[in-house]
Amino acid sequence: MVKKLDVTQHVLTPKFFKLSSDEIKSLLETYNISDVQLPAILEKDPLVKIAELKVGDVIRIERKTQTGKSYYYRRVV
């Protein structure tokens, strides 16, 4: 019997959150950019598949650093 690995439960996988349309709008206005200027994450990425995200969704990735937390944003393509 083959057991599938849930990558979201792995210690090295950072926390991630799907942004609402209002949060996306606020993010783009804050940085004065368009959505196509956000870094991309592929639709076939395991994290994207597990979270059931679709093309055009934006996620915020929370990574722990020595000084606290850092946030990164990715657009599903």
PDB file of N, CA and C in Angstrom:
ATOM      1  N   MET A   1       0.843  -1.177   0.000  1.00  0.00           N
ATOM      2  CA  MET A   1       0.000   0.000   0.000  1.00  0.00           C
ATOM      3  C   MET A   1       0.888   1.240   0.000  1.00  0.00           C
ATOM      4  N   VAL A   2       0.672   2.122  -0.964  1.00  0.00           N
ATOM      5  CA  VAL A   2       1.472   3.340  -1.103  1.00  0.00           C
ATOM      6  C   VAL A   2       0.746   4.482  -0.398  1.00  0.00           C
ATOM      7  N   LYS A   3       1.463   5.150   0.496  1.00  0.00           N
ATOM      8  CA  LYS A   3       0.898   6.281   1.222  1.00  0.00           C
ATOM      9  C   LYS A   3       1.397   7.579   0.580  1.00  0.00           C
ATOM     10  N   LYS A   4       0.469   8.478   0.263  1.00  0.00           N
ATOM     11  CA  LYS A   4       0.849   9.752  -0.339  1.00  0.00           C
ATOM     12  C   LYS A   4       1.365  10.705   0.733  1.00  0.00           C
ATOM     13  N   LEU A   5       2.371  11.468   0.369  1.00  0.00           N
ATOM     14  CA  LEU A   5       2.948  12.455   1.260  1.00  0.00           C
ATOM     15  C   LEU A   5       2.173  13.758   1.160  1.00  0.00           C
ATOM     16  N   ASP A   6       1.742  14.279   2.294  1.00  0.00           N
ATOM     17  CA  ASP A   6       1.057  15.575   2.333  1.00  0.00           C
ATOM     18  C   ASP A   6       2.123  16.645   2.568  1.00  0.00           C
ATOM     19  N   VAL A   7       2.500  17.347   1.508  1.00  0.00           N
ATOM     20  CA  VAL A   7       3.585  18.320   1.607  1.00  0.00           C
ATOM     21  C   VAL A   7       3.252  19.486   2.535  1.00  0.00           C
ATOM     22  N   THR A   8       1.976  19.746   2.777  1.00  0.00           N
ATOM     23  CA  THR A   8       1.614  20.854   3.653  1.00  0.00           C
ATOM     24  C   THR A   8       1.946  20.554   5.111  1.00  0.00           C
ATOM     25  N   GLN A   9       2.132  19.298   5.446  1.00  0.00           N
ATOM     26  CA  GLN A   9       2.436  18.906   6.819  1.00  0.00           C
ATOM     27  C   GLN A   9       3.935  18.781   7.069  1.00  0.00           C
ATOM     28  N   HIS A  10       4.744  18.939   6.040  1.00  0.00           N
ATOM     29  CA  HIS A  10       6.196  18.817   6.190  1.00  0.00           C
ATOM     30  C   HIS A  10       6.751  20.031   6.915  1.00  0.00           C
ATOM     31  N   VAL A  11       7.750  19.803   7.766  1.00  0.00           N
ATOM     32  CA  VAL A  11       8.326  20.861   8.594  1.00  0.00           C
ATOM     33  C   VAL A  11       8.964  21.982   7.760  1.00  0.00           C
ATOM     34  N   LEU A  12       9.424  21.696   6.576  1.00  0.00           N
ATOM     35  CA  LEU A  12      10.079  22.705   5.739  1.00  0.00           C
ATOM     36  C   LEU A  12       9.117  23.470   4.825  1.00  0.00           C
ATOM     37  N   THR A  13       7.861  23.059   4.789  1.00  0.00           N
ATOM     38  CA  THR A  13       6.885  23.747   3.956  1.00  0.00           C
ATOM     39  C   THR A  13       6.353  24.967   4.701  1.00  0.00           C
ATOM     40  N   PRO A  14       6.507  26.156   4.130  1.00  0.00           N
ATOM     41  CA  PRO A  14       6.012  27.361   4.819  1.00  0.00           C
ATOM     42  C   PRO A  14       4.487  27.423   4.791  1.00  0.00           C
ATOM     43  N   LYS A  15       3.920  28.206   5.702  1.00  0.00           N
ATOM     44  CA  LYS A  15       2.478  28.420   5.715  1.00  0.00           C
ATOM     45  C   LYS A  15       2.101  29.270   4.507  1.00  0.00           C
ATOM     46  N   PHE A  16       0.912  29.033   3.977  1.00  0.00           N
ATOM     47  CA  PHE A  16       0.455  29.822   2.842  1.00  0.00           C
ATOM     48  C   PHE A  16      -1.040  30.076   2.978  1.00  0.00           C
ATOM     49  N   PHE A  17      -1.489  31.193   2.414  1.00  0.00           N
ATOM     50  CA  PHE A  17      -2.878  31.601   2.501  1.00  0.00           C
ATOM     51  C   PHE A  17      -3.319  32.163   1.159  1.00  0.00           C
ATOM     52  N   LYS A  18      -4.498  31.776   0.719  1.00  0.00           N
ATOM     53  CA  LYS A  18      -5.071  32.335  -0.506  1.00  0.00           C
ATOM     54  C   LYS A  18      -5.640  33.712  -0.175  1.00  0.00           C
ATOM     55  N   LEU A  19      -5.332  34.701  -1.010  1.00  0.00           N
ATOM     56  CA  LEU A  19      -5.825  36.058  -0.801  1.00  0.00           C
ATOM     57  C   LEU A  19      -7.205  36.235  -1.439  1.00  0.00           C
ATOM     58  N   SER A  20      -8.042  37.028  -0.782  1.00  0.00           N
ATOM     59  CA  SER A  20      -9.346  37.370  -1.354  1.00  0.00           C
ATOM     60  C   SER A  20      -9.138  38.432  -2.436  1.00  0.00           C
ATOM     61  N   SER A  21     -10.176  38.704  -3.189  1.00  0.00           N
ATOM     62  CA  SER A  21     -10.050  39.706  -4.259  1.00  0.00           C
ATOM     63  C   SER A  21      -9.756  41.089  -3.676  1.00  0.00           C
ATOM     64  N   ASP A  22     -10.325  41.409  -2.513  1.00  0.00           N
ATOM     65  CA  ASP A  22     -10.039  42.700  -1.870  1.00  0.00           C
ATOM     66  C   ASP A  22      -8.579  42.770  -1.410  1.00  0.00           C
ATOM     67  N   GLU A  23      -8.059  41.666  -0.876  1.00  0.00           N
ATOM     68  CA  GLU A  23      -6.663  41.631  -0.435  1.00  0.00           C
ATOM     69  C   GLU A  23      -5.708  41.752  -1.615  1.00  0.00           C
ATOM     70  N   ILE A  24      -6.064  41.144  -2.731  1.00  0.00           N
ATOM     71  CA  ILE A  24      -5.237  41.240  -3.946  1.00  0.00           C
ATOM     72  C   ILE A  24      -5.206  42.690  -4.432  1.00  0.00           C
ATOM     73  N   LYS A  25      -6.381  43.312  -4.464  1.00  0.00           N
ATOM     74  CA  LYS A  25      -6.469  44.708  -4.909  1.00  0.00           C
ATOM     75  C   LYS A  25      -5.619  45.609  -4.021  1.00  0.00           C
ATOM     76  N   SER A  26      -5.697  45.408  -2.720  1.00  0.00           N
ATOM     77  CA  SER A  26      -4.919  46.197  -1.764  1.00  0.00           C
ATOM     78  C   SER A  26      -3.417  45.973  -1.951  1.00  0.00           C
ATOM     79  N   LEU A  27      -3.028  44.726  -2.157  1.00  0.00           N
ATOM     80  CA  LEU A  27      -1.615  44.385  -2.379  1.00  0.00           C
ATOM     81  C   LEU A  27      -1.072  45.088  -3.619  1.00  0.00           C
ATOM     82  N   LEU A  28      -1.828  45.024  -4.706  1.00  0.00           N
ATOM     83  CA  LEU A  28      -1.391  45.627  -5.968  1.00  0.00           C
ATOM     84  C   LEU A  28      -1.310  47.158  -5.853  1.00  0.00           C
ATOM     85  N   GLU A  29      -2.244  47.743  -5.132  1.00  0.00           N
ATOM     86  CA  GLU A  29      -2.212  49.200  -4.934  1.00  0.00           C
ATOM     87  C   GLU A  29      -1.046  49.610  -4.033  1.00  0.00           C
ATOM     88  N   THR A  30      -0.777  48.809  -2.998  1.00  0.00           N
ATOM     89  CA  THR A  30       0.310  49.121  -2.071  1.00  0.00           C
ATOM     90  C   THR A  30       1.652  49.175  -2.790  1.00  0.00           C
ATOM     91  N   TYR A  31       1.884  48.199  -3.663  1.00  0.00           N
ATOM     92  CA  TYR A  31       3.165  48.123  -4.369  1.00  0.00           C
ATOM     93  C   TYR A  31       3.126  48.771  -5.741  1.00  0.00           C
ATOM     94  N   ASN A  32       1.958  49.318  -6.132  1.00  0.00           N
ATOM     95  CA  ASN A  32       1.793  49.985  -7.415  1.00  0.00           C
ATOM     96  C   ASN A  32       2.250  49.098  -8.577  1.00  0.00           C
ATOM     97  N   ILE A  33       1.693  47.884  -8.600  1.00  0.00           N
ATOM     98  CA  ILE A  33       2.028  46.910  -9.644  1.00  0.00           C
ATOM     99  C   ILE A  33       0.741  46.307 -10.194  1.00  0.00           C
ATOM    100  N   SER A  34       0.875  45.565 -11.285  1.00  0.00           N
ATOM    101  CA  SER A  34      -0.250  44.794 -11.813  1.00  0.00           C
ATOM    102  C   SER A  34      -0.051  43.333 -11.421  1.00  0.00           C
ATOM    103  N   ASP A  35      -1.097  42.547 -11.552  1.00  0.00           N
ATOM    104  CA  ASP A  35      -0.989  41.154 -11.124  1.00  0.00           C
ATOM    105  C   ASP A  35       0.042  40.355 -11.918  1.00  0.00           C
ATOM    106  N   VAL A  36       0.276  40.712 -13.159  1.00  0.00           N
ATOM    107  CA  VAL A  36       1.259  39.978 -13.968  1.00  0.00           C
ATOM    108  C   VAL A  36       2.697  40.244 -13.517  1.00  0.00           C
ATOM    109  N   GLN A  37       2.889  41.265 -12.691  1.00  0.00           N
ATOM    110  CA  GLN A  37       4.224  41.562 -12.185  1.00  0.00           C
ATOM    111  C   GLN A  37       4.570  40.755 -10.931  1.00  0.00           C
ATOM    112  N   LEU A  38       3.598  40.039 -10.382  1.00  0.00           N
ATOM    113  CA  LEU A  38       3.878  39.181  -9.233  1.00  0.00           C
ATOM    114  C   LEU A  38       4.647  37.938  -9.692  1.00  0.00           C
ATOM    115  N   PRO A  39       5.540  37.408  -8.861  1.00  0.00           N
ATOM    116  CA  PRO A  39       6.218  36.161  -9.208  1.00  0.00           C
ATOM    117  C   PRO A  39       5.193  35.039  -9.382  1.00  0.00           C
ATOM    118  N   ALA A  40       5.513  34.096 -10.215  1.00  0.00           N
ATOM    119  CA  ALA A  40       4.574  33.025 -10.555  1.00  0.00           C
ATOM    120  C   ALA A  40       4.856  31.750  -9.765  1.00  0.00           C
ATOM    121  N   ILE A  41       3.790  30.971  -9.588  1.00  0.00           N
ATOM    122  CA  ILE A  41       3.893  29.604  -9.098  1.00  0.00           C
ATOM    123  C   ILE A  41       3.051  28.778 -10.065  1.00  0.00           C
ATOM    124  N   LEU A  42       3.578  27.666 -10.500  1.00  0.00           N
ATOM    125  CA  LEU A  42       2.899  26.883 -11.520  1.00  0.00           C
ATOM    126  C   LEU A  42       1.675  26.160 -10.994  1.00  0.00           C
ATOM    127  N   GLU A  43       0.691  26.012 -11.865  1.00  0.00           N
ATOM    128  CA  GLU A  43      -0.553  25.329 -11.528  1.00  0.00           C
ATOM    129  C   GLU A  43      -0.302  23.865 -11.142  1.00  0.00           C
ATOM    130  N   LYS A  44       0.780  23.289 -11.654  1.00  0.00           N
ATOM    131  CA  LYS A  44       1.069  21.886 -11.352  1.00  0.00           C
ATOM    132  C   LYS A  44       1.963  21.703 -10.120  1.00  0.00           C
ATOM    133  N   ASP A  45       2.262  22.794  -9.401  1.00  0.00           N
ATOM    134  CA  ASP A  45       3.027  22.703  -8.160  1.00  0.00           C
ATOM    135  C   ASP A  45       2.211  21.898  -7.140  1.00  0.00           C
ATOM    136  N   PRO A  46       2.841  20.986  -6.394  1.00  0.00           N
ATOM    137  CA  PRO A  46       2.103  20.162  -5.428  1.00  0.00           C
ATOM    138  C   PRO A  46       1.297  20.976  -4.416  1.00  0.00           C
ATOM    139  N   LEU A  47       1.843  22.082  -3.971  1.00  0.00           N
ATOM    140  CA  LEU A  47       1.151  22.938  -3.009  1.00  0.00           C
ATOM    141  C   LEU A  47      -0.130  23.512  -3.611  1.00  0.00           C
ATOM    142  N   VAL A  48      -0.059  23.917  -4.862  1.00  0.00           N
ATOM    143  CA  VAL A  48      -1.209  24.491  -5.562  1.00  0.00           C
ATOM    144  C   VAL A  48      -2.285  23.430  -5.756  1.00  0.00           C
ATOM    145  N   LYS A  49      -1.872  22.223  -6.101  1.00  0.00           N
ATOM    146  CA  LYS A  49      -2.832  21.138  -6.307  1.00  0.00           C
ATOM    147  C   LYS A  49      -3.546  20.770  -5.013  1.00  0.00           C
ATOM    148  N   ILE A  50      -2.799  20.658  -3.917  1.00  0.00           N
ATOM    149  CA  ILE A  50      -3.400  20.280  -2.642  1.00  0.00           C
ATOM    150  C   ILE A  50      -4.376  21.346  -2.160  1.00  0.00           C
ATOM    151  N   ALA A  51      -4.013  22.613  -2.332  1.00  0.00           N
ATOM    152  CA  ALA A  51      -4.874  23.720  -1.892  1.00  0.00           C
ATOM    153  C   ALA A  51      -6.020  23.984  -2.864  1.00  0.00           C
ATOM    154  N   GLU A  52      -6.042  23.261  -3.987  1.00  0.00           N
ATOM    155  CA  GLU A  52      -7.075  23.397  -5.020  1.00  0.00           C
ATOM    156  C   GLU A  52      -7.200  24.835  -5.522  1.00  0.00           C
ATOM    157  N   LEU A  53      -6.041  25.445  -5.789  1.00  0.00           N
ATOM    158  CA  LEU A  53      -6.011  26.795  -6.337  1.00  0.00           C
ATOM    159  C   LEU A  53      -6.151  26.739  -7.842  1.00  0.00           C
ATOM    160  N   LYS A  54      -6.578  27.839  -8.422  1.00  0.00           N
ATOM    161  CA  LYS A  54      -6.722  27.886  -9.878  1.00  0.00           C
ATOM    162  C   LYS A  54      -5.908  29.043 -10.442  1.00  0.00           C
ATOM    163  N   VAL A  55      -5.728  29.043 -11.745  1.00  0.00           N
ATOM    164  CA  VAL A  55      -4.960  30.084 -12.414  1.00  0.00           C
ATOM    165  C   VAL A  55      -5.569  31.441 -12.089  1.00  0.00           C
ATOM    166  N   GLY A  56      -4.703  32.388 -11.701  1.00  0.00           N
ATOM    167  CA  GLY A  56      -5.145  33.727 -11.351  1.00  0.00           C
ATOM    168  C   GLY A  56      -5.224  33.964  -9.852  1.00  0.00           C
ATOM    169  N   ASP A  57      -5.277  32.890  -9.051  1.00  0.00           N
ATOM    170  CA  ASP A  57      -5.285  33.052  -7.600  1.00  0.00           C
ATOM    171  C   ASP A  57      -3.931  33.574  -7.139  1.00  0.00           C
ATOM    172  N   VAL A  58      -3.928  34.283  -6.025  1.00  0.00           N
ATOM    173  CA  VAL A  58      -2.695  34.813  -5.443  1.00  0.00           C
ATOM    174  C   VAL A  58      -2.583  34.268  -4.025  1.00  0.00           C
ATOM    175  N   ILE A  59      -1.385  33.803  -3.669  1.00  0.00           N
ATOM    176  CA  ILE A  59      -1.164  33.295  -2.315  1.00  0.00           C
ATOM    177  C   ILE A  59      -0.092  34.118  -1.616  1.00  0.00           C
ATOM    178  N   ARG A  60      -0.239  34.190  -0.294  1.00  0.00           N
ATOM    179  CA  ARG A  60       0.781  34.810   0.555  1.00  0.00           C
ATOM    180  C   ARG A  60       1.493  33.685   1.275  1.00  0.00           C
ATOM    181  N   ILE A  61       2.803  33.652   1.136  1.00  0.00           N
ATOM    182  CA  ILE A  61       3.626  32.629   1.767  1.00  0.00           C
ATOM    183  C   ILE A  61       4.324  33.259   2.959  1.00  0.00           C
ATOM    184  N   GLU A  62       4.197  32.627   4.108  1.00  0.00           N
ATOM    185  CA  GLU A  62       4.785  33.138   5.346  1.00  0.00           C
ATOM    186  C   GLU A  62       5.998  32.277   5.703  1.00  0.00           C
ATOM    187  N   ARG A  63       7.156  32.892   5.721  1.00  0.00           N
ATOM    188  CA  ARG A  63       8.389  32.170   6.059  1.00  0.00           C
ATOM    189  C   ARG A  63       8.976  32.725   7.336  1.00  0.00           C
ATOM    190  N   LYS A  64       9.444  31.826   8.183  1.00  0.00           N
ATOM    191  CA  LYS A  64      10.100  32.248   9.418  1.00  0.00           C
ATOM    192  C   LYS A  64      11.540  32.640   9.111  1.00  0.00           C
ATOM    193  N   THR A  65      11.980  33.751   9.719  1.00  0.00           N
ATOM    194  CA  THR A  65      13.352  34.199   9.571  1.00  0.00           C
ATOM    195  C   THR A  65      13.942  34.389  10.960  1.00  0.00           C
ATOM    196  N   GLN A  66      15.205  34.717  11.015  1.00  0.00           N
ATOM    197  CA  GLN A  66      15.848  34.934  12.303  1.00  0.00           C
ATOM    198  C   GLN A  66      15.277  36.145  13.021  1.00  0.00           C
ATOM    199  N   THR A  67      14.730  37.087  12.273  1.00  0.00           N
ATOM    200  CA  THR A  67      14.198  38.313  12.868  1.00  0.00           C
ATOM    201  C   THR A  67      12.674  38.325  12.962  1.00  0.00           C
ATOM    202  N   GLY A  68      12.019  37.254  12.600  1.00  0.00           N
ATOM    203  CA  GLY A  68      10.555  37.203  12.661  1.00  0.00           C
ATOM    204  C   GLY A  68       9.963  36.453  11.496  1.00  0.00           C
ATOM    205  N   LYS A  69       9.115  37.130  10.743  1.00  0.00           N
ATOM    206  CA  LYS A  69       8.451  36.526   9.592  1.00  0.00           C
ATOM    207  C   LYS A  69       8.622  37.401   8.360  1.00  0.00           C
ATOM    208  N   SER A  70       8.671  36.745   7.209  1.00  0.00           N
ATOM    209  CA  SER A  70       8.703  37.447   5.925  1.00  0.00           C
ATOM    210  C   SER A  70       7.547  36.928   5.085  1.00  0.00           C
ATOM    211  N   TYR A  71       6.973  37.798   4.281  1.00  0.00           N
ATOM    212  CA  TYR A  71       5.859  37.414   3.431  1.00  0.00           C
ATOM    213  C   TYR A  71       6.261  37.530   1.965  1.00  0.00           C
ATOM    214  N   TYR A  72       5.866  36.535   1.197  1.00  0.00           N
ATOM    215  CA  TYR A  72       6.117  36.483  -0.234  1.00  0.00           C
ATOM    216  C   TYR A  72       4.793  36.229  -0.921  1.00  0.00           C
ATOM    217  N   TYR A  73       4.639  36.729  -2.114  1.00  0.00           N
ATOM    218  CA  TYR A  73       3.390  36.588  -2.836  1.00  0.00           C
ATOM    219  C   TYR A  73       3.657  35.903  -4.165  1.00  0.00           C
ATOM    220  N   ARG A  74       2.759  35.013  -4.551  1.00  0.00           N
ATOM    221  CA  ARG A  74       2.875  34.295  -5.816  1.00  0.00           C
ATOM    222  C   ARG A  74       1.515  34.249  -6.495  1.00  0.00           C
ATOM    223  N   ARG A  75       1.535  34.370  -7.816  1.00  0.00           N
ATOM    224  CA  ARG A  75       0.326  34.271  -8.641  1.00  0.00           C
ATOM    225  C   ARG A  75       0.336  32.927  -9.359  1.00  0.00           C
ATOM    226  N   VAL A  76      -0.752  32.209  -9.283  1.00  0.00           N
ATOM    227  CA  VAL A  76      -0.841  30.891  -9.925  1.00  0.00           C
ATOM    228  C   VAL A  76      -0.980  31.070 -11.435  1.00  0.00           C
ATOM    229  N   VAL A  77      -0.082  30.423 -12.175  1.00  0.00           N
ATOM    230  CA  VAL A  77      -0.122  30.480 -13.651  1.00  0.00           C
ATOM    231  C   VAL A  77      -0.174  29.085 -14.226  1.00  0.00           C
TER     232      VAL A  77
END
